[in-house]
Amino acid sequence: MQIQITSTNVQYREDEVSSVSVSFNGRDPERQVNLNGRIPITAEEYNGNSSLPALAKVVKRKLIERLELEEESE
């Protein structure tokens, strides 16, 4: 799955990052599955991962976590 970061909305509190909302698009290599949305991440997750490739990895991890939680609740 290829994830492309389309925007980040960084929230600050007292001159420090408090949270970040990462918007993304994604697709599989065959272009049969398309995703898009917004993933909230914490300041800790953002710090050290602010480059686009690093943010894409964080988004992938968060998507996998959500999919696994959904499976567990079924």
PDB file of N, CA and C in Angstrom:
ATOM      1  N   MET A   1       0.850  -1.176   0.000  1.00  0.00           N
ATOM      2  CA  MET A   1       0.000   0.000   0.000  1.00  0.00           C
ATOM      3  C   MET A   1       0.890   1.231   0.000  1.00  0.00           C
ATOM      4  N   GLN A   2       0.696   2.110  -0.947  1.00  0.00           N
ATOM      5  CA  GLN A   2       1.436   3.361  -1.002  1.00  0.00           C
ATOM      6  C   GLN A   2       0.619   4.442  -0.302  1.00  0.00           C
ATOM      7  N   ILE A   3       1.224   5.100   0.659  1.00  0.00           N
ATOM      8  CA  ILE A   3       0.576   6.179   1.394  1.00  0.00           C
ATOM      9  C   ILE A   3       1.240   7.498   1.005  1.00  0.00           C
ATOM     10  N   GLN A   4       0.427   8.465   0.628  1.00  0.00           N
ATOM     11  CA  GLN A   4       0.934   9.811   0.313  1.00  0.00           C
ATOM     12  C   GLN A   4       0.332  10.779   1.319  1.00  0.00           C
ATOM     13  N   ILE A   5       1.184  11.519   2.000  1.00  0.00           N
ATOM     14  CA  ILE A   5       0.734  12.534   2.947  1.00  0.00           C
ATOM     15  C   ILE A   5       0.311  13.753   2.137  1.00  0.00           C
ATOM     16  N   THR A   6      -0.929  14.211   2.360  1.00  0.00           N
ATOM     17  CA  THR A   6      -1.430  15.362   1.605  1.00  0.00           C
ATOM     18  C   THR A   6      -1.383  16.644   2.423  1.00  0.00           C
ATOM     19  N   SER A   7      -1.451  16.538   3.742  1.00  0.00           N
ATOM     20  CA  SER A   7      -1.311  17.731   4.588  1.00  0.00           C
ATOM     21  C   SER A   7      -1.152  17.325   6.042  1.00  0.00           C
ATOM     22  N   THR A   8      -0.627  18.254   6.817  1.00  0.00           N
ATOM     23  CA  THR A   8      -0.543  18.079   8.262  1.00  0.00           C
ATOM     24  C   THR A   8      -1.087  19.340   8.917  1.00  0.00           C
ATOM     25  N   ASN A   9      -1.841  19.149   9.966  1.00  0.00           N
ATOM     26  CA  ASN A   9      -2.363  20.270  10.745  1.00  0.00           C
ATOM     27  C   ASN A   9      -1.772  20.138  12.141  1.00  0.00           C
ATOM     28  N   VAL A  10      -0.817  20.995  12.434  1.00  0.00           N
ATOM     29  CA  VAL A  10      -0.099  20.916  13.705  1.00  0.00           C
ATOM     30  C   VAL A  10      -0.737  21.875  14.703  1.00  0.00           C
ATOM     31  N   GLN A  11      -1.106  21.361  15.855  1.00  0.00           N
ATOM     32  CA  GLN A  11      -1.677  22.158  16.943  1.00  0.00           C
ATOM     33  C   GLN A  11      -0.571  22.436  17.957  1.00  0.00           C
ATOM     34  N   TYR A  12      -0.491  23.682  18.396  1.00  0.00           N
ATOM     35  CA  TYR A  12       0.525  24.076  19.368  1.00  0.00           C
ATOM     36  C   TYR A  12      -0.130  24.516  20.667  1.00  0.00           C
ATOM     37  N   ARG A  13       0.559  24.262  21.753  1.00  0.00           N
ATOM     38  CA  ARG A  13       0.171  24.766  23.060  1.00  0.00           C
ATOM     39  C   ARG A  13       1.445  25.250  23.735  1.00  0.00           C
ATOM     40  N   GLU A  14       1.469  26.520  24.072  1.00  0.00           N
ATOM     41  CA  GLU A  14       2.636  27.132  24.712  1.00  0.00           C
ATOM     42  C   GLU A  14       3.918  26.874  23.924  1.00  0.00           C
ATOM     43  N   ASP A  15       3.850  27.155  22.625  1.00  0.00           N
ATOM     44  CA  ASP A  15       4.997  27.041  21.711  1.00  0.00           C
ATOM     45  C   ASP A  15       5.523  25.621  21.540  1.00  0.00           C
ATOM     46  N   GLU A  16       4.740  24.630  21.908  1.00  0.00           N
ATOM     47  CA  GLU A  16       5.143  23.232  21.703  1.00  0.00           C
ATOM     48  C   GLU A  16       4.026  22.501  20.969  1.00  0.00           C
ATOM     49  N   VAL A  17       4.409  21.527  20.158  1.00  0.00           N
ATOM     50  CA  VAL A  17       3.423  20.719  19.446  1.00  0.00           C
ATOM     51  C   VAL A  17       2.603  19.953  20.471  1.00  0.00           C
ATOM     52  N   SER A  18       1.268  20.049  20.361  1.00  0.00           N
ATOM     53  CA  SER A  18       0.401  19.305  21.274  1.00  0.00           C
ATOM     54  C   SER A  18      -0.269  18.123  20.577  1.00  0.00           C
ATOM     55  N   SER A  19      -0.588  18.272  19.290  1.00  0.00           N
ATOM     56  CA  SER A  19      -1.149  17.169  18.514  1.00  0.00           C
ATOM     57  C   SER A  19      -1.039  17.510  17.036  1.00  0.00           C
ATOM     58  N   VAL A  20      -1.204  16.480  16.209  1.00  0.00           N
ATOM     59  CA  VAL A  20      -1.089  16.659  14.764  1.00  0.00           C
ATOM     60  C   VAL A  20      -2.158  15.808  14.094  1.00  0.00           C
ATOM     61  N   SER A  21      -2.800  16.373  13.089  1.00  0.00           N
ATOM     62  CA  SER A  21      -3.741  15.629  12.263  1.00  0.00           C
ATOM     63  C   SER A  21      -3.101  15.470  10.889  1.00  0.00           C
ATOM     64  N   VAL A  22      -2.921  14.225  10.463  1.00  0.00           N
ATOM     65  CA  VAL A  22      -2.235  13.935   9.201  1.00  0.00           C
ATOM     66  C   VAL A  22      -3.265  13.445   8.185  1.00  0.00           C
ATOM     67  N   SER A  23      -3.424  14.195   7.089  1.00  0.00           N
ATOM     68  CA  SER A  23      -4.312  13.781   6.000  1.00  0.00           C
ATOM     69  C   SER A  23      -3.498  12.985   4.992  1.00  0.00           C
ATOM     70  N   PHE A  24      -4.136  11.966   4.406  1.00  0.00           N
ATOM     71  CA  PHE A  24      -3.405  11.068   3.516  1.00  0.00           C
ATOM     72  C   PHE A  24      -4.310  10.501   2.429  1.00  0.00           C
ATOM     73  N   ASN A  25      -3.679  10.010   1.380  1.00  0.00           N
ATOM     74  CA  ASN A  25      -4.294   9.189   0.341  1.00  0.00           C
ATOM     75  C   ASN A  25      -3.473   7.924   0.255  1.00  0.00           C
ATOM     76  N   GLY A  26      -4.119   6.828  -0.093  1.00  0.00           N
ATOM     77  CA  GLY A  26      -3.379   5.581  -0.244  1.00  0.00           C
ATOM     78  C   GLY A  26      -3.983   4.727  -1.337  1.00  0.00           C
ATOM     79  N   ARG A  27      -3.165   3.865  -1.924  1.00  0.00           N
ATOM     80  CA  ARG A  27      -3.653   2.925  -2.931  1.00  0.00           C
ATOM     81  C   ARG A  27      -2.715   1.728  -2.983  1.00  0.00           C
ATOM     82  N   ASP A  28      -3.263   0.616  -3.425  1.00  0.00           N
ATOM     83  CA  ASP A  28      -2.431  -0.559  -3.618  1.00  0.00           C
ATOM     84  C   ASP A  28      -1.792  -0.497  -5.004  1.00  0.00           C
ATOM     85  N   PRO A  29      -0.769  -1.313  -5.263  1.00  0.00           N
ATOM     86  CA  PRO A  29      -0.062  -1.235  -6.543  1.00  0.00           C
ATOM     87  C   PRO A  29      -0.954  -1.466  -7.765  1.00  0.00           C
ATOM     88  N   GLU A  30      -2.008  -2.262  -7.620  1.00  0.00           N
ATOM     89  CA  GLU A  30      -2.908  -2.540  -8.736  1.00  0.00           C
ATOM     90  C   GLU A  30      -3.998  -1.479  -8.879  1.00  0.00           C
ATOM     91  N   ARG A  31      -4.006  -0.515  -7.960  1.00  0.00           N
ATOM     92  CA  ARG A  31      -4.997   0.569  -7.933  1.00  0.00           C
ATOM     93  C   ARG A  31      -6.423   0.043  -7.802  1.00  0.00           C
ATOM     94  N   GLN A  32      -6.568  -1.060  -7.081  1.00  0.00           N
ATOM     95  CA  GLN A  32      -7.885  -1.634  -6.838  1.00  0.00           C
ATOM     96  C   GLN A  32      -8.461  -1.170  -5.502  1.00  0.00           C
ATOM     97  N   VAL A  33      -7.594  -0.779  -4.582  1.00  0.00           N
ATOM     98  CA  VAL A  33      -8.017  -0.301  -3.271  1.00  0.00           C
ATOM     99  C   VAL A  33      -7.524   1.126  -3.103  1.00  0.00           C
ATOM    100  N   ASN A  34      -8.441   2.024  -2.743  1.00  0.00           N
ATOM    101  CA  ASN A  34      -8.094   3.422  -2.495  1.00  0.00           C
ATOM    102  C   ASN A  34      -8.532   3.798  -1.092  1.00  0.00           C
ATOM    103  N   LEU A  35      -7.695   4.552  -0.405  1.00  0.00           N
ATOM    104  CA  LEU A  35      -7.991   5.035   0.945  1.00  0.00           C
ATOM    105  C   LEU A  35      -7.725   6.527   1.007  1.00  0.00           C
ATOM    106  N   ASN A  36      -8.435   7.193   1.879  1.00  0.00           N
ATOM    107  CA  ASN A  36      -8.084   8.565   2.205  1.00  0.00           C
ATOM    108  C   ASN A  36      -8.692   8.877   3.563  1.00  0.00           C
ATOM    109  N   GLY A  37      -8.116   9.816   4.227  1.00  0.00           N
ATOM    110  CA  GLY A  37      -8.639  10.176   5.533  1.00  0.00           C
ATOM    111  C   GLY A  37      -7.671  11.029   6.308  1.00  0.00           C
ATOM    112  N   ARG A  38      -7.952  11.084   7.598  1.00  0.00           N
ATOM    113  CA  ARG A  38      -7.157  11.875   8.537  1.00  0.00           C
ATOM    114  C   ARG A  38      -6.853  10.999   9.741  1.00  0.00           C
ATOM    115  N   ILE A  39      -5.619  11.001  10.167  1.00  0.00           N
ATOM    116  CA  ILE A  39      -5.198  10.230  11.327  1.00  0.00           C
ATOM    117  C   ILE A  39      -4.629  11.200  12.360  1.00  0.00           C
ATOM    118  N   PRO A  40      -5.192  11.220  13.567  1.00  0.00           N
ATOM    119  CA  PRO A  40      -4.595  12.054  14.617  1.00  0.00           C
ATOM    120  C   PRO A  40      -3.390  11.335  15.223  1.00  0.00           C
ATOM    121  N   ILE A  41      -2.318  12.073  15.454  1.00  0.00           N
ATOM    122  CA  ILE A  41      -1.164  11.504  16.139  1.00  0.00           C
ATOM    123  C   ILE A  41      -0.752  12.441  17.266  1.00  0.00           C
ATOM    124  N   THR A  42      -0.047  11.885  18.208  1.00  0.00           N
ATOM    125  CA  THR A  42       0.390  12.670  19.358  1.00  0.00           C
ATOM    126  C   THR A  42       1.657  13.450  19.024  1.00  0.00           C
ATOM    127  N   ALA A  43       1.967  14.393  19.886  1.00  0.00           N
ATOM    128  CA  ALA A  43       3.204  15.157  19.725  1.00  0.00           C
ATOM    129  C   ALA A  43       4.409  14.225  19.775  1.00  0.00           C
ATOM    130  N   GLU A  44       4.359  13.235  20.643  1.00  0.00           N
ATOM    131  CA  GLU A  44       5.468  12.286  20.760  1.00  0.00           C
ATOM    132  C   GLU A  44       5.653  11.495  19.469  1.00  0.00           C
ATOM    133  N   GLU A  45       4.546  11.091  18.841  1.00  0.00           N
ATOM    134  CA  GLU A  45       4.640  10.355  17.581  1.00  0.00           C
ATOM    135  C   GLU A  45       5.160  11.251  16.455  1.00  0.00           C
ATOM    136  N   TYR A  46       4.821  12.525  16.507  1.00  0.00           N
ATOM    137  CA  TYR A  46       5.237  13.470  15.468  1.00  0.00           C
ATOM    138  C   TYR A  46       6.711  13.842  15.599  1.00  0.00           C
ATOM    139  N   ASN A  47       7.165  14.077  16.819  1.00  0.00           N
ATOM    140  CA  ASN A  47       8.563  14.459  17.048  1.00  0.00           C
ATOM    141  C   ASN A  47       9.482  13.345  16.576  1.00  0.00           C
ATOM    142  N   GLY A  48      10.391  13.675  15.694  1.00  0.00           N
ATOM    143  CA  GLY A  48      11.302  12.679  15.140  1.00  0.00           C
ATOM    144  C   GLY A  48      10.744  11.963  13.926  1.00  0.00           C
ATOM    145  N   ASN A  49       9.458  12.198  13.612  1.00  0.00           N
ATOM    146  CA  ASN A  49       8.817  11.564  12.459  1.00  0.00           C
ATOM    147  C   ASN A  49       8.155  12.591  11.562  1.00  0.00           C
ATOM    148  N   SER A  50       8.657  13.810  11.536  1.00  0.00           N
ATOM    149  CA  SER A  50       7.986  14.874  10.801  1.00  0.00           C
ATOM    150  C   SER A  50       8.268  14.862   9.296  1.00  0.00           C
ATOM    151  N   SER A  51       9.223  14.067   8.842  1.00  0.00           N
ATOM    152  CA  SER A  51       9.450  13.971   7.392  1.00  0.00           C
ATOM    153  C   SER A  51       8.297  13.187   6.760  1.00  0.00           C
ATOM    154  N   LEU A  52       8.038  13.431   5.492  1.00  0.00           N
ATOM    155  CA  LEU A  52       6.923  12.752   4.832  1.00  0.00           C
ATOM    156  C   LEU A  52       7.057  11.231   4.830  1.00  0.00           C
ATOM    157  N   PRO A  53       8.229  10.661   4.527  1.00  0.00           N
ATOM    158  CA  PRO A  53       8.343   9.199   4.582  1.00  0.00           C
ATOM    159  C   PRO A  53       8.087   8.638   5.991  1.00  0.00           C
ATOM    160  N   ALA A  54       8.574   9.330   7.004  1.00  0.00           N
ATOM    161  CA  ALA A  54       8.357   8.867   8.378  1.00  0.00           C
ATOM    162  C   ALA A  54       6.883   8.982   8.763  1.00  0.00           C
ATOM    163  N   LEU A  55       6.232  10.079   8.364  1.00  0.00           N
ATOM    164  CA  LEU A  55       4.803  10.227   8.652  1.00  0.00           C
ATOM    165  C   LEU A  55       3.985   9.146   7.952  1.00  0.00           C
ATOM    166  N   ALA A  56       4.375   8.797   6.730  1.00  0.00           N
ATOM    167  CA  ALA A  56       3.669   7.733   6.010  1.00  0.00           C
ATOM    168  C   ALA A  56       3.756   6.421   6.775  1.00  0.00           C
ATOM    169  N   LYS A  57       4.899   6.124   7.372  1.00  0.00           N
ATOM    170  CA  LYS A  57       5.048   4.910   8.174  1.00  0.00           C
ATOM    171  C   LYS A  57       4.161   4.953   9.412  1.00  0.00           C
ATOM    172  N   VAL A  58       4.081   6.120  10.049  1.00  0.00           N
ATOM    173  CA  VAL A  58       3.218   6.268  11.226  1.00  0.00           C
ATOM    174  C   VAL A  58       1.756   6.053  10.820  1.00  0.00           C
ATOM    175  N   VAL A  59       1.348   6.624   9.698  1.00  0.00           N
ATOM    176  CA  VAL A  59      -0.030   6.463   9.224  1.00  0.00           C
ATOM    177  C   VAL A  59      -0.319   4.997   8.930  1.00  0.00           C
ATOM    178  N   LYS A  60       0.593   4.298   8.259  1.00  0.00           N
ATOM    179  CA  LYS A  60       0.403   2.870   7.977  1.00  0.00           C
ATOM    180  C   LYS A  60       0.212   2.089   9.270  1.00  0.00           C
ATOM    181  N   ARG A  61       1.065   2.367  10.260  1.00  0.00           N
ATOM    182  CA  ARG A  61       0.961   1.657  11.540  1.00  0.00           C
ATOM    183  C   ARG A  61      -0.388   1.923  12.196  1.00  0.00           C
ATOM    184  N   LYS A  62      -0.830   3.190  12.175  1.00  0.00           N
ATOM    185  CA  LYS A  62      -2.109   3.552  12.781  1.00  0.00           C
ATOM    186  C   LYS A  62      -3.275   2.886  12.046  1.00  0.00           C
ATOM    187  N   LEU A  63      -3.201   2.819  10.710  1.00  0.00           N
ATOM    188  CA  LEU A  63      -4.250   2.153   9.942  1.00  0.00           C
ATOM    189  C   LEU A  63      -4.336   0.675  10.291  1.00  0.00           C
ATOM    190  N   ILE A  64      -3.187   0.029  10.389  1.00  0.00           N
ATOM    191  CA  ILE A  64      -3.152  -1.392  10.749  1.00  0.00           C
ATOM    192  C   ILE A  64      -3.752  -1.596  12.131  1.00  0.00           C
ATOM    193  N   GLU A  65      -3.394  -0.738  13.080  1.00  0.00           N
ATOM    194  CA  GLU A  65      -3.953  -0.840  14.430  1.00  0.00           C
ATOM    195  C   GLU A  65      -5.474  -0.732  14.409  1.00  0.00           C
ATOM    196  N   ARG A  66      -5.999   0.205  13.643  1.00  0.00           N
ATOM    197  CA  ARG A  66      -7.459   0.378  13.560  1.00  0.00           C
ATOM    198  C   ARG A  66      -8.128  -0.823  12.921  1.00  0.00           C
ATOM    199  N   LEU A  67      -7.527  -1.373  11.863  1.00  0.00           N
ATOM    200  CA  LEU A  67      -8.091  -2.548  11.230  1.00  0.00           C
ATOM    201  C   LEU A  67      -8.103  -3.749  12.171  1.00  0.00           C
ATOM    202  N   GLU A  68      -7.035  -3.915  12.929  1.00  0.00           N
ATOM    203  CA  GLU A  68      -6.965  -5.017  13.877  1.00  0.00           C
ATOM    204  C   GLU A  68      -7.976  -4.849  15.008  1.00  0.00           C
ATOM    205  N   LEU A  69      -8.175  -3.625  15.481  1.00  0.00           N
ATOM    206  CA  LEU A  69      -9.180  -3.381  16.521  1.00  0.00           C
ATOM    207  C   LEU A  69     -10.570  -3.692  16.007  1.00  0.00           C
ATOM    208  N   GLU A  70     -10.835  -3.338  14.763  1.00  0.00           N
ATOM    209  CA  GLU A  70     -12.138  -3.614  14.150  1.00  0.00           C
ATOM    210  C   GLU A  70     -12.391  -5.102  14.083  1.00  0.00           C
ATOM    211  N   GLU A  71     -11.371  -5.890  13.711  1.00  0.00           N
ATOM    212  CA  GLU A  71     -11.518  -7.332  13.634  1.00  0.00           C
ATOM    213  C   GLU A  71     -11.802  -7.943  14.997  1.00  0.00           C
ATOM    214  N   GLU A  72     -11.159  -7.416  16.026  1.00  0.00           N
ATOM    215  CA  GLU A  72     -11.340  -7.935  17.376  1.00  0.00           C
ATOM    216  C   GLU A  72     -12.745  -7.673  17.904  1.00  0.00           C
ATOM    217  N   SER A  73     -13.377  -6.602  17.460  1.00  0.00           N
ATOM    218  CA  SER A  73     -14.702  -6.258  17.970  1.00  0.00           C
ATOM    219  C   SER A  73     -15.818  -6.969  17.211  1.00  0.00           C
ATOM    220  N   GLU A  74     -15.496  -7.653  16.142  1.00  0.00           N
ATOM    221  CA  GLU A  74     -16.537  -8.362  15.360  1.00  0.00           C
ATOM    222  C   GLU A  74     -16.906  -9.678  15.998  1.00  0.00           C
TER     223      GLU A  74
END
